[in-house]
Amino acid sequence: MPEPAPTPDLVAALVAKAHHVWRETLRIHRRAPETRLASSLSAVEIFVTLYYGGLVRTNPANPFDPERDRCIISKGHGSICMYPILADLGFFPAAELERVCQAGSFLGGIPDPVIPGYETVNGSLGHGLGVGAGIALALSRKASTRSVFVVCGDGELHEGANWEAAMFASQHRLDHLNLIVDDNRISMLGRTDDIVTLSPLRDRLASFGWDCVEVDGHDVAALLAALRDLKARHAGQPKALIARTLKGRGVPGLEDMPLSHVMNPPPAQIDAILAAPEGGGDA
């Protein structure tokens, strides 16, 4: 039976949270320009939906609670938007957001497990899916029903280890494993189609035995409906959601630019965006 459609109130709450997280991510980057802004802005709605949409079971008082769901954030550099989410959920004090990348802060430019709420080291790209598959296998051997989510960027799918993990997960019928691809179609130095094309990504993953869907990655209602449905499916297949997104979303001159990965908006531009009462996430 299909999962019920998200209620209008929940969708409105997720939209408001995404607006808040988008603005907080800009504020963090304004204070710590070494953070990767464009990669983090494309994933805002993905993480907001996962953590506020009732999809990832967490316990801020005990981040390694054995009854938690696991979320492996493979695109660690592109998850600075997770900092305000984790602070808001109570994993650490919100005051820490003022100290990102400063001496003595555990919130760095590339997150690692010293941050409450992060499961793995995420600096070297292309390994999150393999780690997630191993965790999913271990949980299944323990007869656990906990879910494993892996969030990766499309650019890191150029790494062959991902496809080894995809075959492994399919062979072992890891249907508690859920891959979410932030498909913004831009890698570090250009568009993915100009480097190594992944199109059609849905068909490629399906050919490896995965159950795949594709949605607008900035539409929280579509994300929530698709992720609820995928999480509930247990038909012996690992599952993947391809979220079509825009790198640098909402920042003029950064959004969808081929070199946005290594671009920083001028501080004055960020100040102007944040000063606008309705500024936040819309191009």
Foldseek 3Di string as FASTA:
>chain_A
DADDFDDPVLLVVLVVQLQVLQLLLLVLCLLVVLQFNLLQLFCSLVVSCCLSVPNWAADLVCLVPVLTAAEAEQQQSRNSSVVVVSCVVPNDPPVLSNQECHPPRQHYSGHAVVRRNHDGRHDDHQCRLQVQLVVLVVCVVVVHLHAYEYEHEPVSVVDPSNLVSLLVCLVQLSLSYEYEYSDQQADQQFGCVVPPDCPPVQVVSVVSVEAEDEDASVNNSVSNSVSVRSNPDRPSHYYYYYHHTWGNAQQPPQTNDNNNRPDDDPSVSSVVLSVDPPRGRHD
